Amino acid sequence: NLATILNYQGKNIDAIQLLDNIDYSDSAYFMGAKFKMVKIFYEMGSYKLIPPVLDSLRIYLLRHKEINIIKRKVSLNFVKLTQHLIKLKMDKDYLSERKYVQKMKALHVSIKGEELLVNKEWLMQETSL
């Protein structure tokens, strides 16, 4: 999609604006856009912008009961584990290097052990040290 191309070209702000202005009549488009927004904000180092995106995704998943239970579970697991990753990234300056590495490795193990998880490869990559 166009947002992916813009992101690849380094036009992250344009990609975010496009994703934010799409009509999300289909739940797959909505969730895909939110996943992409999280990745772009993460890539930009804009960690403080990620929690609201994750919150909107979580609320959407809980409100829309028509979403397949497995799809809901894999997406909620993404929200939960990404929240942990973002918190750890934001706390990095306040942790000793040893403590940060220890927590990142523990998160990596949690992600690796989670069978029901969308974007697992991305989360594994971002928690690899």
C-alpha atoms as a PDB file:
ATOM      1  CA  ASN A   1       0.000   0.000   0.000  1.00  0.00           C
ATOM      2  CA  LEU A   2       0.970   3.626  -0.371  1.00  0.00           C
ATOM      3  CA  ALA A   3       1.790   4.083   3.334  1.00  0.00           C
ATOM      4  CA  THR A   4       4.342   1.273   3.148  1.00  0.00           C
ATOM      5  CA  ILE A   5       5.953   2.847   0.090  1.00  0.00           C
ATOM      6  CA  LEU A   6       6.076   6.261   1.781  1.00  0.00           C
ATOM      7  CA  ASN A   7       7.603   4.673   4.880  1.00  0.00           C
ATOM      8  CA  TYR A   8      10.188   2.879   2.750  1.00  0.00           C
ATOM      9  CA  GLN A   9      11.049   6.205   1.072  1.00  0.00           C
ATOM     10  CA  GLY A  10      11.577   7.780   4.494  1.00  0.00           C
ATOM     11  CA  LYS A  11       8.446   9.912   4.250  1.00  0.00           C
ATOM     12  CA  ASN A  12       7.172   8.778   7.628  1.00  0.00           C
ATOM     13  CA  ILE A  13       5.049  11.834   8.388  1.00  0.00           C
ATOM     14  CA  ASP A  14       3.255  11.461   5.049  1.00  0.00           C
ATOM     15  CA  ALA A  15       2.713   7.760   5.759  1.00  0.00           C
ATOM     16  CA  ILE A  16       1.265   8.498   9.214  1.00  0.00           C
ATOM     17  CA  GLN A  17      -1.057  11.183   7.804  1.00  0.00           C
ATOM     18  CA  LEU A  18      -2.263   8.793   5.127  1.00  0.00           C
ATOM     19  CA  LEU A  19      -2.884   6.020   7.670  1.00  0.00           C
ATOM     20  CA  ASP A  20      -4.692   8.432   9.973  1.00  0.00           C
ATOM     21  CA  ASN A  21      -7.057   9.624   7.219  1.00  0.00           C
ATOM     22  CA  ILE A  22      -8.126   6.267   5.771  1.00  0.00           C
ATOM     23  CA  ASP A  23     -11.771   5.221   6.103  1.00  0.00           C
ATOM     24  CA  TYR A  24     -11.632   2.077   8.187  1.00  0.00           C
ATOM     25  CA  SER A  25     -14.875   0.352   7.308  1.00  0.00           C
ATOM     26  CA  ASP A  26     -13.072  -2.997   7.388  1.00  0.00           C
ATOM     27  CA  SER A  27     -11.521  -4.210  10.653  1.00  0.00           C
ATOM     28  CA  ALA A  28      -8.523  -5.720   8.825  1.00  0.00           C
ATOM     29  CA  TYR A  29      -7.670  -2.286   7.338  1.00  0.00           C
ATOM     30  CA  PHE A  30      -8.064  -0.617  10.721  1.00  0.00           C
ATOM     31  CA  MET A  31      -5.837  -3.104  12.523  1.00  0.00           C
ATOM     32  CA  GLY A  32      -3.258  -3.159   9.734  1.00  0.00           C
ATOM     33  CA  ALA A  33      -3.047   0.624   9.768  1.00  0.00           C
ATOM     34  CA  LYS A  34      -2.578   0.712  13.545  1.00  0.00           C
ATOM     35  CA  PHE A  35       0.165  -1.941  13.371  1.00  0.00           C
ATOM     36  CA  LYS A  36       1.906   0.090  10.662  1.00  0.00           C
ATOM     37  CA  MET A  37       1.582   3.326  12.655  1.00  0.00           C
ATOM     38  CA  VAL A  38       3.177   1.669  15.688  1.00  0.00           C
ATOM     39  CA  LYS A  39       6.091   0.459  13.594  1.00  0.00           C
ATOM     40  CA  ILE A  40       6.629   3.855  11.979  1.00  0.00           C
ATOM     41  CA  PHE A  41       6.519   5.735  15.294  1.00  0.00           C
ATOM     42  CA  TYR A  42       8.903   3.149  16.755  1.00  0.00           C
ATOM     43  CA  GLU A  43      11.266   3.520  13.810  1.00  0.00           C
ATOM     44  CA  MET A  44      11.192   7.296  14.307  1.00  0.00           C
ATOM     45  CA  GLY A  45      11.956   6.905  18.025  1.00  0.00           C
ATOM     46  CA  SER A  46       8.651   8.615  18.850  1.00  0.00           C
ATOM     47  CA  TYR A  47       7.838   6.213  21.675  1.00  0.00           C
ATOM     48  CA  LYS A  48       5.447   8.601  23.424  1.00  0.00           C
ATOM     49  CA  LEU A  49       3.145   8.561  20.383  1.00  0.00           C
ATOM     50  CA  ILE A  50       2.725   4.778  20.466  1.00  0.00           C
ATOM     51  CA  PRO A  51       0.600   4.234  23.615  1.00  0.00           C
ATOM     52  CA  PRO A  52      -2.436   6.151  22.250  1.00  0.00           C
ATOM     53  CA  VAL A  53      -2.312   4.082  19.052  1.00  0.00           C
ATOM     54  CA  LEU A  54      -2.134   0.870  21.080  1.00  0.00           C
ATOM     55  CA  ASP A  55      -4.977   2.050  23.317  1.00  0.00           C
ATOM     56  CA  SER A  56      -7.214   2.801  20.345  1.00  0.00           C
ATOM     57  CA  LEU A  57      -6.443  -0.618  18.888  1.00  0.00           C
ATOM     58  CA  ARG A  58      -7.172  -2.363  22.200  1.00  0.00           C
ATOM     59  CA  ILE A  59     -10.490  -0.526  22.621  1.00  0.00           C
ATOM     60  CA  TYR A  60     -11.448  -1.286  19.027  1.00  0.00           C
ATOM     61  CA  LEU A  61     -10.727  -4.993  19.542  1.00  0.00           C
ATOM     62  CA  LEU A  62     -12.771  -5.122  22.745  1.00  0.00           C
ATOM     63  CA  ARG A  63     -15.750  -3.258  21.278  1.00  0.00           C
ATOM     64  CA  HIS A  64     -16.011  -5.110  17.970  1.00  0.00           C
ATOM     65  CA  LYS A  65     -17.237  -8.547  18.963  1.00  0.00           C
ATOM     66  CA  GLU A  66     -17.583  -9.593  15.323  1.00  0.00           C
ATOM     67  CA  ILE A  67     -13.788  -9.889  15.064  1.00  0.00           C
ATOM     68  CA  ASN A  68     -12.684 -13.504  15.106  1.00  0.00           C
ATOM     69  CA  ILE A  69     -11.584 -14.544  18.611  1.00  0.00           C
ATOM     70  CA  ILE A  70      -8.164 -15.732  17.407  1.00  0.00           C
ATOM     71  CA  LYS A  71      -7.561 -12.505  15.463  1.00  0.00           C
ATOM     72  CA  ARG A  72      -8.590 -10.558  18.568  1.00  0.00           C
ATOM     73  CA  LYS A  73      -6.256 -12.599  20.814  1.00  0.00           C
ATOM     74  CA  VAL A  74      -3.187 -12.299  18.541  1.00  0.00           C
ATOM     75  CA  SER A  75      -3.766  -8.560  18.250  1.00  0.00           C
ATOM     76  CA  LEU A  76      -4.318  -8.038  21.993  1.00  0.00           C
ATOM     77  CA  ASN A  77      -1.102  -9.953  22.645  1.00  0.00           C
ATOM     78  CA  PHE A  78       0.675  -7.587  20.251  1.00  0.00           C
ATOM     79  CA  VAL A  79      -0.734  -4.619  22.171  1.00  0.00           C
ATOM     80  CA  LYS A  80       0.357  -6.035  25.534  1.00  0.00           C
ATOM     81  CA  LEU A  81       3.880  -6.995  24.486  1.00  0.00           C
ATOM     82  CA  THR A  82       4.441  -3.792  22.515  1.00  0.00           C
ATOM     83  CA  GLN A  83       3.372  -1.789  25.579  1.00  0.00           C
ATOM     84  CA  HIS A  84       6.066  -3.623  27.550  1.00  0.00           C
ATOM     85  CA  LEU A  85       8.636  -2.893  24.842  1.00  0.00           C
ATOM     86  CA  ILE A  86       7.758   0.804  24.713  1.00  0.00           C
ATOM     87  CA  LYS A  87       7.851   1.152  28.491  1.00  0.00           C
ATOM     88  CA  LEU A  88      11.266  -0.476  28.539  1.00  0.00           C
ATOM     89  CA  LYS A  89      12.550   1.808  25.763  1.00  0.00           C
ATOM     90  CA  MET A  90      11.242   4.894  27.575  1.00  0.00           C
ATOM     91  CA  ASP A  91      12.808   3.740  30.869  1.00  0.00           C
ATOM     92  CA  LYS A  92      16.190   2.898  29.318  1.00  0.00           C
ATOM     93  CA  ASP A  93      17.891   6.065  30.596  1.00  0.00           C
ATOM     94  CA  TYR A  94      16.749   5.291  34.144  1.00  0.00           C
ATOM     95  CA  LEU A  95      17.958   1.692  34.237  1.00  0.00           C
ATOM     96  CA  SER A  96      21.461   0.346  34.551  1.00  0.00           C
ATOM     97  CA  GLU A  97      22.743  -1.265  31.370  1.00  0.00           C
ATOM     98  CA  ARG A  98      22.659  -4.664  33.085  1.00  0.00           C
ATOM     99  CA  LYS A  99      19.051  -4.226  34.224  1.00  0.00           C
ATOM    100  CA  TYR A 100      17.969  -2.990  30.787  1.00  0.00           C
ATOM    101  CA  VAL A 101      19.580  -5.980  29.047  1.00  0.00           C
ATOM    102  CA  GLN A 102      18.057  -8.353  31.596  1.00  0.00           C
ATOM    103  CA  LYS A 103      14.549  -6.947  31.071  1.00  0.00           C
ATOM    104  CA  MET A 104      14.917  -6.878  27.280  1.00  0.00           C
ATOM    105  CA  LYS A 105      16.045 -10.516  27.245  1.00  0.00           C
ATOM    106  CA  ALA A 106      13.105 -11.496  29.460  1.00  0.00           C
ATOM    107  CA  LEU A 107      10.712  -9.707  27.103  1.00  0.00           C
ATOM    108  CA  HIS A 108      12.332 -11.440  24.131  1.00  0.00           C
ATOM    109  CA  VAL A 109      11.756 -14.814  25.779  1.00  0.00           C
ATOM    110  CA  SER A 110       8.120 -13.909  26.475  1.00  0.00           C
ATOM    111  CA  ILE A 111       7.599 -12.946  22.847  1.00  0.00           C
ATOM    112  CA  LYS A 112       9.330 -16.071  21.595  1.00  0.00           C
ATOM    113  CA  GLY A 113       7.111 -18.247  23.772  1.00  0.00           C
ATOM    114  CA  GLU A 114       3.858 -16.599  22.661  1.00  0.00           C
ATOM    115  CA  GLU A 115       2.203 -18.682  19.961  1.00  0.00           C
ATOM    116  CA  LEU A 116      -0.747 -16.355  19.352  1.00  0.00           C
ATOM    117  CA  LEU A 117       0.953 -13.147  18.304  1.00  0.00           C
ATOM    118  CA  VAL A 118       0.692 -10.958  15.223  1.00  0.00           C
ATOM    119  CA  ASN A 119       3.905  -9.254  14.040  1.00  0.00           C
ATOM    120  CA  LYS A 120       5.936 -11.686  16.131  1.00  0.00           C
ATOM    121  CA  GLU A 121       8.990 -11.439  13.854  1.00  0.00           C
ATOM    122  CA  TRP A 122       9.045  -7.658  14.219  1.00  0.00           C
ATOM    123  CA  LEU A 123       8.811  -7.848  18.013  1.00  0.00           C
ATOM    124  CA  MET A 124      11.512 -10.534  18.100  1.00  0.00           C
ATOM    125  CA  GLN A 125      13.776  -8.349  15.989  1.00  0.00           C
ATOM    126  CA  GLU A 126      13.199  -5.268  18.149  1.00  0.00           C
ATOM    127  CA  THR A 127      13.971  -7.132  21.379  1.00  0.00           C
ATOM    128  CA  SER A 128      17.108  -8.862  20.071  1.00  0.00           C
ATOM    129  CA  LEU A 129      20.289  -7.550  21.609  1.00  0.00           C
END
